[in-house]
C-alpha atoms as a PDB file:
ATOM      1  CA  MET A   1       0.000  -0.030   0.035  1.00  0.00           C
ATOM      2  CA  ARG A   2       0.919   3.640  -0.527  1.00  0.00           C
ATOM      3  CA  LEU A   3      -0.396   6.370   1.700  1.00  0.00           C
ATOM      4  CA  PHE A   4      -0.558  10.028   0.577  1.00  0.00           C
ATOM      5  CA  CYS A   5      -1.062  12.701   3.219  1.00  0.00           C
ATOM      6  CA  TYR A   6      -2.132  15.675   1.131  1.00  0.00           C
ATOM      7  CA  ARG A   7      -1.586  19.144   2.536  1.00  0.00           C
ATOM      8  CA  ALA A   8      -4.955  20.448   3.788  1.00  0.00           C
ATOM      9  CA  LYS A   9      -3.715  23.242   6.147  1.00  0.00           C
ATOM     10  CA  CYS A  10      -5.173  22.307   9.540  1.00  0.00           C
ATOM     11  CA  GLY A  11      -7.402  19.670   7.893  1.00  0.00           C
ATOM     12  CA  ASP A  12      -7.340  16.001   6.743  1.00  0.00           C
ATOM     13  CA  SER A  13      -6.996  14.584   3.192  1.00  0.00           C
ATOM     14  CA  PHE A  14      -5.487  11.066   2.867  1.00  0.00           C
ATOM     15  CA  HIS A  15      -5.321   8.678  -0.095  1.00  0.00           C
ATOM     16  CA  LEU A  16      -4.707   4.971   0.082  1.00  0.00           C
ATOM     17  CA  GLN A  17      -3.509   3.186  -3.083  1.00  0.00           C
ATOM     18  CA  TYR A  18      -3.114  -0.599  -3.386  1.00  0.00           C
ATOM     19  CA  VAL A  19      -3.507  -3.444  -5.853  1.00  0.00           C
ATOM     20  CA  GLY A  20      -6.486  -5.464  -4.739  1.00  0.00           C
ATOM     21  CA  GLU A  21      -7.027  -9.233  -4.819  1.00  0.00           C
ATOM     22  CA  SER A  22      -8.618  -8.703  -8.254  1.00  0.00           C
ATOM     23  CA  GLY A  23      -5.329  -7.343  -9.613  1.00  0.00           C
ATOM     24  CA  LYS A  24      -6.866  -3.949 -10.161  1.00  0.00           C
ATOM     25  CA  HIS A  25      -5.505  -0.685  -8.736  1.00  0.00           C
ATOM     26  CA  ARG A  26      -7.710   0.627  -5.913  1.00  0.00           C
ATOM     27  CA  ASN A  27      -8.080   4.153  -4.530  1.00  0.00           C
ATOM     28  CA  VAL A  28      -9.606   4.995  -1.099  1.00  0.00           C
ATOM     29  CA  LEU A  29      -9.916   8.686  -0.039  1.00  0.00           C
ATOM     30  CA  LEU A  30     -10.096   9.475   3.605  1.00  0.00           C
ATOM     31  CA  ASP A  31     -11.687  13.009   3.947  1.00  0.00           C
ATOM     32  CA  MET A  32     -11.146  15.824   1.507  1.00  0.00           C
ATOM     33  CA  GLY A  33      -9.947  18.773   3.473  1.00  0.00           C
ATOM     34  CA  HIS A  34     -11.129  22.270   2.803  1.00  0.00           C
ATOM     35  CA  SER A  35     -12.687  23.456  -0.477  1.00  0.00           C
ATOM     36  CA  LYS A  36      -9.225  24.737  -1.516  1.00  0.00           C
ATOM     37  CA  THR A  37      -7.761  21.279  -0.864  1.00  0.00           C
ATOM     38  CA  TYR A  38      -9.997  19.963  -3.544  1.00  0.00           C
ATOM     39  CA  GLN A  39      -9.358  22.808  -5.940  1.00  0.00           C
ATOM     40  CA  GLU A  40      -5.564  22.813  -5.527  1.00  0.00           C
ATOM     41  CA  ILE A  41      -4.891  19.113  -5.060  1.00  0.00           C
ATOM     42  CA  LEU A  42      -7.708  16.556  -5.129  1.00  0.00           C
ATOM     43  CA  LYS A  43      -9.390  17.647  -8.408  1.00  0.00           C
ATOM     44  CA  ASN A  44      -6.271  16.689 -10.294  1.00  0.00           C
ATOM     45  CA  VAL A  45      -5.749  13.587  -8.263  1.00  0.00           C
ATOM     46  CA  ILE A  46      -9.278  12.365  -9.169  1.00  0.00           C
ATOM     47  CA  LEU A  47      -8.938  13.379 -12.806  1.00  0.00           C
ATOM     48  CA  ASN A  48      -5.633  11.402 -12.950  1.00  0.00           C
ATOM     49  CA  ILE A  49      -7.415   8.420 -11.425  1.00  0.00           C
ATOM     50  CA  ILE A  50     -10.048   8.604 -14.090  1.00  0.00           C
ATOM     51  CA  GLU A  51      -7.415   9.045 -16.877  1.00  0.00           C
ATOM     52  CA  ASP A  52      -5.824   5.836 -15.661  1.00  0.00           C
ATOM     53  CA  SER A  53      -9.235   4.047 -16.118  1.00  0.00           C
ATOM     54  CA  GLU A  54      -9.519   3.685 -12.352  1.00  0.00           C
ATOM     55  CA  GLN A  55     -12.028   5.080  -9.830  1.00  0.00           C
ATOM     56  CA  VAL A  56     -12.266   6.169  -6.253  1.00  0.00           C
ATOM     57  CA  ASP A  57     -13.449   2.892  -4.806  1.00  0.00           C
ATOM     58  CA  ALA A  58     -14.488   4.432  -1.507  1.00  0.00           C
ATOM     59  CA  LEU A  59     -14.646   7.984  -0.210  1.00  0.00           C
ATOM     60  CA  PHE A  60     -14.861   8.148   3.556  1.00  0.00           C
ATOM     61  CA  LEU A  61     -16.106  11.461   4.975  1.00  0.00           C
ATOM     62  CA  SER A  62     -15.573  11.318   8.690  1.00  0.00           C
ATOM     63  CA  HIS A  63     -17.736  14.222   9.889  1.00  0.00           C
ATOM     64  CA  ILE A  64     -19.183  17.606   8.941  1.00  0.00           C
ATOM     65  CA  HIS A  65     -16.381  19.988   9.816  1.00  0.00           C
ATOM     66  CA  ASN A  66     -15.309  21.843   6.724  1.00  0.00           C
ATOM     67  CA  ASP A  67     -11.602  20.952   7.127  1.00  0.00           C
ATOM     68  CA  HIS A  68     -12.744  17.384   6.353  1.00  0.00           C
ATOM     69  CA  ILE A  69     -15.833  17.696   4.193  1.00  0.00           C
ATOM     70  CA  GLY A  70     -15.408  21.047   2.488  1.00  0.00           C
ATOM     71  CA  GLY A  71     -13.557  19.517  -0.471  1.00  0.00           C
ATOM     72  CA  ALA A  72     -16.408  17.049  -1.046  1.00  0.00           C
ATOM     73  CA  SER A  73     -18.817  19.962  -1.386  1.00  0.00           C
ATOM     74  CA  LYS A  74     -16.702  21.388  -4.206  1.00  0.00           C
ATOM     75  CA  LEU A  75     -16.390  17.979  -5.827  1.00  0.00           C
ATOM     76  CA  ILE A  76     -20.132  17.620  -5.961  1.00  0.00           C
ATOM     77  CA  THR A  77     -20.386  21.105  -7.636  1.00  0.00           C
ATOM     78  CA  ASP A  78     -17.951  19.828 -10.265  1.00  0.00           C
ATOM     79  CA  ILE A  79     -19.804  16.489 -10.720  1.00  0.00           C
ATOM     80  CA  GLN A  80     -22.970  18.454 -11.438  1.00  0.00           C
ATOM     81  CA  SER A  81     -21.220  20.380 -14.229  1.00  0.00           C
ATOM     82  CA  ASN A  82     -18.702  17.853 -15.611  1.00  0.00           C
ATOM     83  CA  SER A  83     -19.968  14.483 -16.868  1.00  0.00           C
ATOM     84  CA  THR A  84     -16.384  13.121 -16.676  1.00  0.00           C
ATOM     85  CA  LEU A  85     -16.699  13.018 -12.947  1.00  0.00           C
ATOM     86  CA  ASN A  86     -20.145  11.376 -12.818  1.00  0.00           C
ATOM     87  CA  ASN A  87     -18.893   7.891 -11.905  1.00  0.00           C
ATOM     88  CA  ALA A  88     -15.663   8.878 -10.263  1.00  0.00           C
ATOM     89  CA  ILE A  89     -16.872   7.868  -6.772  1.00  0.00           C
ATOM     90  CA  LYS A  90     -18.071   4.257  -6.525  1.00  0.00           C
ATOM     91  CA  ARG A  91     -18.972   4.330  -2.866  1.00  0.00           C
ATOM     92  CA  TRP A  92     -19.693   7.117  -0.348  1.00  0.00           C
ATOM     93  CA  ILE A  93     -19.176   6.311   3.331  1.00  0.00           C
ATOM     94  CA  TYR A  94     -20.783   9.056   5.373  1.00  0.00           C
ATOM     95  CA  ASN A  95     -23.123   9.603   8.301  1.00  0.00           C
ATOM     96  CA  PRO A  96     -25.558  12.455   7.518  1.00  0.00           C
ATOM     97  CA  PRO A  97     -26.362  14.579  10.577  1.00  0.00           C
ATOM     98  CA  ARG A  98     -30.064  14.724   9.609  1.00  0.00           C
ATOM     99  CA  TRP A  99     -32.497  13.130   7.249  1.00  0.00           C
ATOM    100  CA  TYR A 100     -35.031  15.029   5.127  1.00  0.00           C
ATOM    101  CA  ASP A 101     -36.549  15.311   1.627  1.00  0.00           C
ATOM    102  CA  VAL A 102     -34.130  16.958  -0.739  1.00  0.00           C
ATOM    103  CA  ASN A 103     -36.850  18.989  -2.573  1.00  0.00           C
ATOM    104  CA  GLN A 104     -37.458  21.172   0.509  1.00  0.00           C
ATOM    105  CA  PHE A 105     -36.773  24.906  -0.120  1.00  0.00           C
ATOM    106  CA  TYR A 106     -33.804  26.500   1.610  1.00  0.00           C
ATOM    107  CA  GLU A 107     -34.502  29.756   3.375  1.00  0.00           C
ATOM    108  CA  ASN A 108     -31.139  31.139   2.416  1.00  0.00           C
ATOM    109  CA  LYS A 109     -28.985  29.686  -0.298  1.00  0.00           C
ATOM    110  CA  ASP A 110     -26.446  32.454  -0.198  1.00  0.00           C
ATOM    111  CA  GLY A 111     -25.339  32.146   3.359  1.00  0.00           C
ATOM    112  CA  VAL A 112     -21.857  31.755   4.698  1.00  0.00           C
ATOM    113  CA  PRO A 113     -20.645  28.184   3.939  1.00  0.00           C
ATOM    114  CA  CYS A 114     -20.240  26.139   7.163  1.00  0.00           C
ATOM    115  CA  GLY A 115     -20.106  22.522   8.177  1.00  0.00           C
ATOM    116  CA  ILE A 116     -23.778  21.689   8.192  1.00  0.00           C
ATOM    117  CA  ALA A 117     -24.222  23.291   4.765  1.00  0.00           C
ATOM    118  CA  SER A 118     -21.528  21.022   3.294  1.00  0.00           C
ATOM    119  CA  GLY A 119     -23.028  18.129   5.183  1.00  0.00           C
ATOM    120  CA  ASP A 120     -26.446  18.763   3.673  1.00  0.00           C
ATOM    121  CA  LYS A 121     -24.967  19.106   0.145  1.00  0.00           C
ATOM    122  CA  VAL A 122     -23.196  15.715   0.451  1.00  0.00           C
ATOM    123  CA  TYR A 123     -26.411  14.138   1.848  1.00  0.00           C
ATOM    124  CA  GLU A 124     -28.498  15.494  -1.022  1.00  0.00           C
ATOM    125  CA  HIS A 125     -26.054  14.239  -3.631  1.00  0.00           C
ATOM    126  CA  ILE A 126     -25.841  10.772  -2.176  1.00  0.00           C
ATOM    127  CA  LEU A 127     -29.601  10.464  -1.742  1.00  0.00           C
ATOM    128  CA  THR A 128     -30.173  11.511  -5.364  1.00  0.00           C
ATOM    129  CA  ASN A 129     -27.404   9.507  -6.999  1.00  0.00           C
ATOM    130  CA  ASN A 130     -26.236   6.696  -4.646  1.00  0.00           C
ATOM    131  CA  PRO A 131     -29.120   6.120  -2.122  1.00  0.00           C
ATOM    132  CA  GLU A 132     -27.849   2.572  -1.446  1.00  0.00           C
ATOM    133  CA  ASN A 133     -24.875   4.201   0.319  1.00  0.00           C
ATOM    134  CA  LEU A 134     -27.069   5.901   2.915  1.00  0.00           C
ATOM    135  CA  TYR A 135     -26.954   3.740   5.989  1.00  0.00           C
ATOM    136  CA  ASP A 136     -25.481   4.368   9.409  1.00  0.00           C
ATOM    137  CA  ILE A 137     -21.737   3.625   9.801  1.00  0.00           C
ATOM    138  CA  ILE A 138     -21.299   2.458  13.387  1.00  0.00           C
ATOM    139  CA  ALA A 139     -18.508   0.949  15.524  1.00  0.00           C
ATOM    140  CA  GLY A 140     -18.390  -2.825  15.195  1.00  0.00           C
ATOM    141  CA  GLN A 141     -19.189  -3.009  11.494  1.00  0.00           C
ATOM    142  CA  SER A 142     -16.703  -4.382   8.956  1.00  0.00           C
ATOM    143  CA  PHE A 143     -16.639  -4.798   5.243  1.00  0.00           C
ATOM    144  CA  VAL A 144     -14.131  -5.568   2.497  1.00  0.00           C
ATOM    145  CA  ILE A 145     -12.937  -3.458  -0.467  1.00  0.00           C
ATOM    146  CA  ASP A 146     -11.250  -5.889  -2.912  1.00  0.00           C
ATOM    147  CA  GLY A 147      -9.351  -7.686  -0.271  1.00  0.00           C
ATOM    148  CA  MET A 148      -8.814  -4.824   2.137  1.00  0.00           C
ATOM    149  CA  LYS A 149     -10.736  -5.327   5.389  1.00  0.00           C
ATOM    150  CA  VAL A 150     -12.244  -2.244   6.939  1.00  0.00           C
ATOM    151  CA  THR A 151     -13.268  -2.370  10.660  1.00  0.00           C
ATOM    152  CA  ILE A 152     -15.222   0.621  11.958  1.00  0.00           C
ATOM    153  CA  LEU A 153     -14.250   1.890  15.421  1.00  0.00           C
ATOM    154  CA  SER A 154     -16.207   5.165  15.667  1.00  0.00           C
ATOM    155  CA  PRO A 155     -18.762   6.548  16.111  1.00  0.00           C
ATOM    156  CA  ASP A 156     -20.903   4.593  18.514  1.00  0.00           C
ATOM    157  CA  VAL A 157     -24.700   4.813  18.504  1.00  0.00           C
ATOM    158  CA  ASP A 158     -24.659   7.299  21.354  1.00  0.00           C
ATOM    159  CA  LYS A 159     -22.299   9.803  19.702  1.00  0.00           C
ATOM    160  CA  LEU A 160     -24.116   9.632  16.323  1.00  0.00           C
ATOM    161  CA  GLY A 161     -27.391  10.129  18.210  1.00  0.00           C
ATOM    162  CA  LYS A 162     -26.087  13.277  19.863  1.00  0.00           C
ATOM    163  CA  LEU A 163     -25.141  14.671  16.454  1.00  0.00           C
ATOM    164  CA  ARG A 164     -28.657  13.989  15.114  1.00  0.00           C
ATOM    165  CA  GLU A 165     -30.177  15.592  18.161  1.00  0.00           C
ATOM    166  CA  LYS A 166     -28.185  18.800  17.450  1.00  0.00           C
ATOM    167  CA  TYR A 167     -29.027  18.900  13.727  1.00  0.00           C
ATOM    168  CA  SER A 168     -32.616  17.660  13.948  1.00  0.00           C
ATOM    169  CA  ASN A 169     -35.216  17.964  11.260  1.00  0.00           C
ATOM    170  CA  ASN A 170     -36.917  20.616  13.330  1.00  0.00           C
ATOM    171  CA  ARG A 171     -34.066  22.978  12.678  1.00  0.00           C
ATOM    172  CA  PRO A 172     -34.406  25.291   9.666  1.00  0.00           C
ATOM    173  CA  LEU A 173     -32.779  23.848   6.613  1.00  0.00           C
ATOM    174  CA  CYS A 174     -30.781  26.980   5.634  1.00  0.00           C
ATOM    175  CA  ARG A 175     -27.316  27.623   4.351  1.00  0.00           C
ATOM    176  CA  LEU A 176     -26.559  30.203   7.085  1.00  0.00           C
ATOM    177  CA  GLU A 177     -26.405  28.591  10.479  1.00  0.00           C
ATOM    178  CA  ILE A 178     -27.609  30.600  13.494  1.00  0.00           C
ATOM    179  CA  ASP A 179     -24.729  29.384  15.720  1.00  0.00           C
ATOM    180  CA  GLU A 180     -21.260  27.846  15.414  1.00  0.00           C
ATOM    181  CA  THR A 181     -21.016  24.343  14.113  1.00  0.00           C
ATOM    182  CA  SER A 182     -18.790  23.497  17.017  1.00  0.00           C
ATOM    183  CA  VAL A 183     -15.885  24.776  19.122  1.00  0.00           C
ATOM    184  CA  GLU A 184     -12.628  23.132  18.140  1.00  0.00           C
ATOM    185  CA  ALA A 185     -10.921  21.258  20.942  1.00  0.00           C
ATOM    186  CA  GLY A 186      -7.309  22.127  21.409  1.00  0.00           C
ATOM    187  CA  ASN A 187      -4.961  23.637  23.837  1.00  0.00           C
ATOM    188  CA  VAL A 188      -5.092  27.018  22.042  1.00  0.00           C
ATOM    189  CA  MET A 189      -1.633  27.475  23.613  1.00  0.00           C
ATOM    190  CA  ASP A 190       1.788  26.967  22.231  1.00  0.00           C
ATOM    191  CA  ASP A 191       3.450  24.224  24.332  1.00  0.00           C
ATOM    192  CA  TYR A 192       6.559  23.868  22.165  1.00  0.00           C
ATOM    193  CA  LYS A 193       8.898  25.460  24.766  1.00  0.00           C
ATOM    194  CA  THR A 194       8.421  22.480  27.035  1.00  0.00           C
ATOM    195  CA  PRO A 195      10.921  19.616  26.449  1.00  0.00           C
ATOM    196  CA  LEU A 196       9.247  16.242  25.645  1.00  0.00           C
ATOM    197  CA  ASN A 197      10.391  14.640  28.918  1.00  0.00           C
ATOM    198  CA  GLN A 198       9.141  17.473  31.134  1.00  0.00           C
ATOM    199  CA  PHE A 199       5.380  17.355  30.405  1.00  0.00           C
ATOM    200  CA  GLN A 200       3.034  16.680  33.327  1.00  0.00           C
ATOM    201  CA  LEU A 201       0.897  13.918  31.935  1.00  0.00           C
ATOM    202  CA  ASP A 202      -1.433  13.174  34.844  1.00  0.00           C
ATOM    203  CA  TYR A 203      -4.282  15.402  33.508  1.00  0.00           C
ATOM    204  CA  TYR A 204      -6.505  14.690  30.514  1.00  0.00           C
ATOM    205  CA  GLN A 205      -9.774  16.333  29.321  1.00  0.00           C
ATOM    206  CA  GLU A 206     -11.473  14.769  26.319  1.00  0.00           C
ATOM    207  CA  ASP A 207     -12.712  16.874  23.360  1.00  0.00           C
ATOM    208  CA  LEU A 208     -16.348  17.808  23.978  1.00  0.00           C
ATOM    209  CA  SER A 209     -17.203  18.563  20.275  1.00  0.00           C
ATOM    210  CA  ILE A 210     -20.342  16.710  19.239  1.00  0.00           C
ATOM    211  CA  GLU A 211     -19.175  16.770  15.653  1.00  0.00           C
ATOM    212  CA  ASN A 212     -15.715  15.403  16.426  1.00  0.00           C
ATOM    213  CA  ALA A 213     -17.123  12.636  18.590  1.00  0.00           C
ATOM    214  CA  SER A 214     -19.307  11.543  15.668  1.00  0.00           C
ATOM    215  CA  SER A 215     -16.283  10.981  13.457  1.00  0.00           C
ATOM    216  CA  ILE A 216     -15.938   7.835  11.437  1.00  0.00           C
ATOM    217  CA  ALA A 217     -12.640   6.108  12.309  1.00  0.00           C
ATOM    218  CA  ALA A 218     -11.463   2.716  11.157  1.00  0.00           C
ATOM    219  CA  ILE A 219      -8.754   0.096  10.823  1.00  0.00           C
ATOM    220  CA  PHE A 220      -7.667  -0.807   7.266  1.00  0.00           C
ATOM    221  CA  GLU A 221      -6.002  -4.213   6.813  1.00  0.00           C
ATOM    222  CA  PHE A 222      -4.492  -5.626   3.634  1.00  0.00           C
ATOM    223  CA  GLU A 223      -1.867  -8.274   3.102  1.00  0.00           C
ATOM    224  CA  ASN A 224      -0.461  -8.057   6.655  1.00  0.00           C
ATOM    225  CA  LYS A 225      -0.403  -4.277   6.550  1.00  0.00           C
ATOM    226  CA  ARG A 226      -2.539  -2.309   8.922  1.00  0.00           C
ATOM    227  CA  ILE A 227      -3.428   1.395   9.044  1.00  0.00           C
ATOM    228  CA  LEU A 228      -5.371   3.043  11.909  1.00  0.00           C
ATOM    229  CA  TRP A 229      -7.223   6.151  10.792  1.00  0.00           C
ATOM    230  CA  LEU A 230      -8.600   8.223  13.698  1.00  0.00           C
ATOM    231  CA  SER A 231      -9.933  11.295  11.884  1.00  0.00           C
ATOM    232  CA  ASP A 232     -11.217  13.680  14.685  1.00  0.00           C
ATOM    233  CA  SER A 233     -12.558  10.870  16.883  1.00  0.00           C
ATOM    234  CA  VAL A 234     -12.429  10.813  20.721  1.00  0.00           C
ATOM    235  CA  PRO A 235     -10.355   8.220  22.633  1.00  0.00           C
ATOM    236  CA  SER A 236     -13.135   6.963  24.821  1.00  0.00           C
ATOM    237  CA  VAL A 237     -15.049   5.590  21.814  1.00  0.00           C
ATOM    238  CA  ILE A 238     -11.904   4.173  20.122  1.00  0.00           C
ATOM    239  CA  VAL A 239     -10.652   2.510  23.266  1.00  0.00           C
ATOM    240  CA  SER A 240     -14.042   0.869  23.910  1.00  0.00           C
ATOM    241  CA  SER A 241     -14.140  -0.464  20.349  1.00  0.00           C
ATOM    242  CA  LEU A 242     -10.546  -1.827  20.641  1.00  0.00           C
ATOM    243  CA  LEU A 243     -11.245  -3.502  23.965  1.00  0.00           C
ATOM    244  CA  ARG A 244     -14.273  -5.240  22.355  1.00  0.00           C
ATOM    245  CA  LEU A 245     -11.988  -6.415  19.640  1.00  0.00           C
ATOM    246  CA  GLY A 246      -9.680  -7.951  22.213  1.00  0.00           C
ATOM    247  CA  TYR A 247      -6.909  -5.386  22.225  1.00  0.00           C
ATOM    248  CA  ARG A 248      -5.419  -4.127  25.481  1.00  0.00           C
ATOM    249  CA  GLU A 249      -2.060  -3.151  26.971  1.00  0.00           C
ATOM    250  CA  SER A 250      -0.932  -6.746  27.055  1.00  0.00           C
ATOM    251  CA  ASN A 251      -2.216  -7.327  23.454  1.00  0.00           C
ATOM    252  CA  LYS A 252      -1.560  -4.139  21.599  1.00  0.00           C
ATOM    253  CA  LEU A 253      -2.942  -3.277  18.213  1.00  0.00           C
ATOM    254  CA  TYR A 254       0.219  -2.994  16.044  1.00  0.00           C
ATOM    255  CA  CYS A 255      -0.086  -0.792  12.986  1.00  0.00           C
ATOM    256  CA  ASP A 256       2.151   0.110  10.091  1.00  0.00           C
ATOM    257  CA  ALA A 257       0.815   3.665  10.304  1.00  0.00           C
ATOM    258  CA  ILE A 258      -1.431   5.590  12.677  1.00  0.00           C
ATOM    259  CA  LEU A 259      -3.170   8.762  11.464  1.00  0.00           C
ATOM    260  CA  LEU A 260      -3.451  10.659  14.718  1.00  0.00           C
ATOM    261  CA  SER A 261      -6.754  12.246  15.721  1.00  0.00           C
ATOM    262  CA  HIS A 262      -7.660  15.889  15.236  1.00  0.00           C
ATOM    263  CA  HIS A 263      -4.334  17.121  13.950  1.00  0.00           C
ATOM    264  CA  GLY A 264      -2.472  15.999  17.081  1.00  0.00           C
ATOM    265  CA  SER A 265      -4.802  17.684  19.606  1.00  0.00           C
ATOM    266  CA  VAL A 266      -4.330  16.839  23.274  1.00  0.00           C
ATOM    267  CA  GLY A 267      -8.145  16.524  23.527  1.00  0.00           C
ATOM    268  CA  ASN A 268      -8.281  13.604  21.108  1.00  0.00           C
ATOM    269  CA  ASN A 269      -5.159  11.542  21.915  1.00  0.00           C
ATOM    270  CA  SER A 270      -4.923  10.022  25.371  1.00  0.00           C
ATOM    271  CA  ILE A 271      -2.301   7.928  27.123  1.00  0.00           C
ATOM    272  CA  GLU A 272      -4.983   5.273  27.655  1.00  0.00           C
ATOM    273  CA  LEU A 273      -5.300   4.934  23.901  1.00  0.00           C
ATOM    274  CA  PHE A 274      -1.583   4.896  23.237  1.00  0.00           C
ATOM    275  CA  LYS A 275      -1.060   2.108  25.809  1.00  0.00           C
ATOM    276  CA  ILE A 276      -3.088  -0.252  23.602  1.00  0.00           C
ATOM    277  CA  ILE A 277      -1.920   0.869  20.155  1.00  0.00           C
ATOM    278  CA  HIS A 278       1.581   1.002  18.632  1.00  0.00           C
ATOM    279  CA  SER A 279       3.109   1.885  15.324  1.00  0.00           C
ATOM    280  CA  CYS A 280       6.413   2.570  13.539  1.00  0.00           C
ATOM    281  CA  LYS A 281       4.821   5.590  11.961  1.00  0.00           C
ATOM    282  CA  TYR A 282       2.609   8.250  13.654  1.00  0.00           C
ATOM    283  CA  ILE A 283       1.239  10.776  11.215  1.00  0.00           C
ATOM    284  CA  ILE A 284       0.025  14.323  11.956  1.00  0.00           C
ATOM    285  CA  SER A 285      -1.949  16.202   9.358  1.00  0.00           C
ATOM    286  CA  SER A 286      -1.649  19.929  10.066  1.00  0.00           C
ATOM    287  CA  ASP A 287       0.333  22.950   9.244  1.00  0.00           C
ATOM    288  CA  GLY A 288       1.941  24.791  12.166  1.00  0.00           C
ATOM    289  CA  ILE A 289       0.135  28.071  11.523  1.00  0.00           C
ATOM    290  CA  ASN A 290      -3.447  27.806  12.792  1.00  0.00           C
ATOM    291  CA  MET A 291      -5.500  29.528  15.503  1.00  0.00           C
ATOM    292  CA  HIS A 292      -5.695  26.378  17.694  1.00  0.00           C
ATOM    293  CA  CYS A 293      -1.874  25.955  17.989  1.00  0.00           C
ATOM    294  CA  LEU A 294      -2.120  22.405  16.660  1.00  0.00           C
ATOM    295  CA  PRO A 295      -0.485  20.002  16.760  1.00  0.00           C
ATOM    296  CA  ASN A 296       0.114  19.923  20.506  1.00  0.00           C
ATOM    297  CA  LYS A 297       3.611  18.759  21.504  1.00  0.00           C
ATOM    298  CA  GLU A 298       2.075  17.091  24.573  1.00  0.00           C
ATOM    299  CA  THR A 299       0.399  14.536  22.268  1.00  0.00           C
ATOM    300  CA  ILE A 300       3.861  13.381  21.163  1.00  0.00           C
ATOM    301  CA  ALA A 301       5.006  13.292  24.809  1.00  0.00           C
ATOM    302  CA  ARG A 302       2.079  10.942  25.531  1.00  0.00           C
ATOM    303  CA  ILE A 303       3.077   8.616  22.755  1.00  0.00           C
ATOM    304  CA  VAL A 304       6.644   8.517  24.014  1.00  0.00           C
ATOM    305  CA  PHE A 305       5.483   7.887  27.618  1.00  0.00           C
ATOM    306  CA  ALA A 306       3.146   5.045  26.564  1.00  0.00           C
ATOM    307  CA  SER A 307       5.524   3.401  24.094  1.00  0.00           C
ATOM    308  CA  THR A 308       7.389   0.214  24.863  1.00  0.00           C
ATOM    309  CA  SER A 309       9.735   0.813  21.873  1.00  0.00           C
ATOM    310  CA  LEU A 310      11.718   3.984  21.319  1.00  0.00           C
ATOM    311  CA  PRO A 311      12.363   6.059  19.346  1.00  0.00           C
ATOM    312  CA  ILE A 312       8.951   6.574  17.752  1.00  0.00           C
ATOM    313  CA  SER A 313       8.695   7.962  14.251  1.00  0.00           C
ATOM    314  CA  ILE A 314       6.560  11.070  13.773  1.00  0.00           C
ATOM    315  CA  TYR A 315       5.604  12.226  10.260  1.00  0.00           C
ATOM    316  CA  PHE A 316       4.408  15.739   9.559  1.00  0.00           C
ATOM    317  CA  ASN A 317       2.923  16.625   6.172  1.00  0.00           C
ATOM    318  CA  TYR A 318       4.232  20.231   6.446  1.00  0.00           C
ATOM    319  CA  ASP A 319       7.694  21.549   7.153  1.00  0.00           C
ATOM    320  CA  ASP A 320       6.872  25.152   8.104  1.00  0.00           C
ATOM    321  CA  GLY A 321       9.006  27.047  10.636  1.00  0.00           C
ATOM    322  CA  ARG A 322       6.739  26.491  13.605  1.00  0.00           C
ATOM    323  CA  LEU A 323       6.693  22.697  13.204  1.00  0.00           C
ATOM    324  CA  ILE A 324      10.459  22.598  12.741  1.00  0.00           C
ATOM    325  CA  ARG A 325      10.883  24.719  15.920  1.00  0.00           C
ATOM    326  CA  MET A 326       8.717  22.270  17.934  1.00  0.00           C
ATOM    327  CA  PHE A 327      11.773  20.384  19.267  1.00  0.00           C
ATOM    328  CA  LYS A 328      14.094  23.292  19.676  1.00  0.00           C
ATOM    329  CA  SER A 329      13.741  23.176  23.486  1.00  0.00           C
ATOM    330  CA  ASP A 330      14.831  19.494  23.605  1.00  0.00           C
ATOM    331  CA  VAL A 331      18.415  18.347  24.148  1.00  0.00           C
ATOM    332  CA  PRO A 332      19.354  16.791  20.803  1.00  0.00           C
ATOM    333  CA  GLU A 333      20.766  13.590  22.348  1.00  0.00           C
ATOM    334  CA  ASP A 334      17.618  13.093  24.435  1.00  0.00           C
ATOM    335  CA  LEU A 335      15.367  13.838  21.496  1.00  0.00           C
ATOM    336  CA  ARG A 336      17.063  11.251  19.224  1.00  0.00           C
ATOM    337  CA  MET A 337      16.334   8.589  21.854  1.00  0.00           C
ATOM    338  CA  MET A 338      12.665   9.424  22.011  1.00  0.00           C
ATOM    339  CA  VAL A 339      11.637  10.624  18.501  1.00  0.00           C
ATOM    340  CA  ASP A 340      12.598  10.244  14.903  1.00  0.00           C
ATOM    341  CA  VAL A 341      11.085  13.203  13.081  1.00  0.00           C
ATOM    342  CA  HIS A 342      10.133  13.255   9.346  1.00  0.00           C
ATOM    343  CA  TYR A 343       8.774  16.046   7.220  1.00  0.00           C
ATOM    344  CA  LEU A 344       6.984  14.786   4.159  1.00  0.00           C
ATOM    345  CA  LYS A 345       7.440  16.562   0.875  1.00  0.00           C
ATOM    346  CA  GLU A 346       4.320  17.789  -0.915  1.00  0.00           C
ATOM    347  CA  ARG A 347       2.471  14.800  -2.337  1.00  0.00           C
ATOM    348  CA  GLU A 348       5.097  12.356  -1.105  1.00  0.00           C
ATOM    349  CA  ALA A 349       3.816   8.896  -0.600  1.00  0.00           C
ATOM    350  CA  ILE A 350       4.602   6.712   2.456  1.00  0.00           C
ATOM    351  CA  GLU A 351       5.285   3.219   1.334  1.00  0.00           C
ATOM    352  CA  LEU A 352       3.773   0.581   3.665  1.00  0.00           C
END
């Protein structure tokens, strides 16, 4: 397998490529970042896939935040105007935040684009064109994409139910929301001056975002290779799912790559989770320049603390100045014993 971690600012856009059991080349997209992520990167990626007589075999859209679903909204606009893209996506994997008839009239079609607006647009498109794809994706489910097994870890019924309560059918179906989609969880504080071995790790508060907690997260397994995709999920749900699958500290889930939750936020990556998972590659999707000060360095300290094998390998998909300065406060000799840092080039693939 090859894994691309496209640059989506403080957002997610991943691409899995592999040759399936059928001998055909397969493409799986995990989120689509912001609208600009699609316009600047993913549109050409998808057109190249079509030109190679391939398709996007599955498009996973984890949740309705625009740094994950915004690109899908732009893709749908292009599908509606470009017949070349009509059959580009074979399967949509998405949990709509609400159900309704698509012929209802919107009160305001010119409002500021936000998460629920993109979510509604994706739902309308799937309902009109791929209605067989509209069923709840819930922890415990599994399915196969040409030899690759997908095991869903998040959301659980409770978290998806809370999302549906927030965006109920009783709420006006308008493009301009009357309140914020959610408050991003994060430290909103630069913790890069603290050396990795000096963090106080006895306190943890989980992300309270209803949208993040409803995120789809999954394990992808193919030919003895395993990837854990955490999107913006919360550890309490992931840990419960892994325990039900038989994983625990004495029987860790070993992965070839782990895509860390919520751009490396401390609210979405707990020591409890890191004690039952392990990888040779931990991947953080985020630039260093964002209002939430993500990724948090404490997240990496938690991985180091919980790991039974050091150094761990951390992969960033950006190499901007702030990310490079993250480890400036660490003694170089100590750092090398704890972390092996990699900065991916633009559109560089990780071979698995």
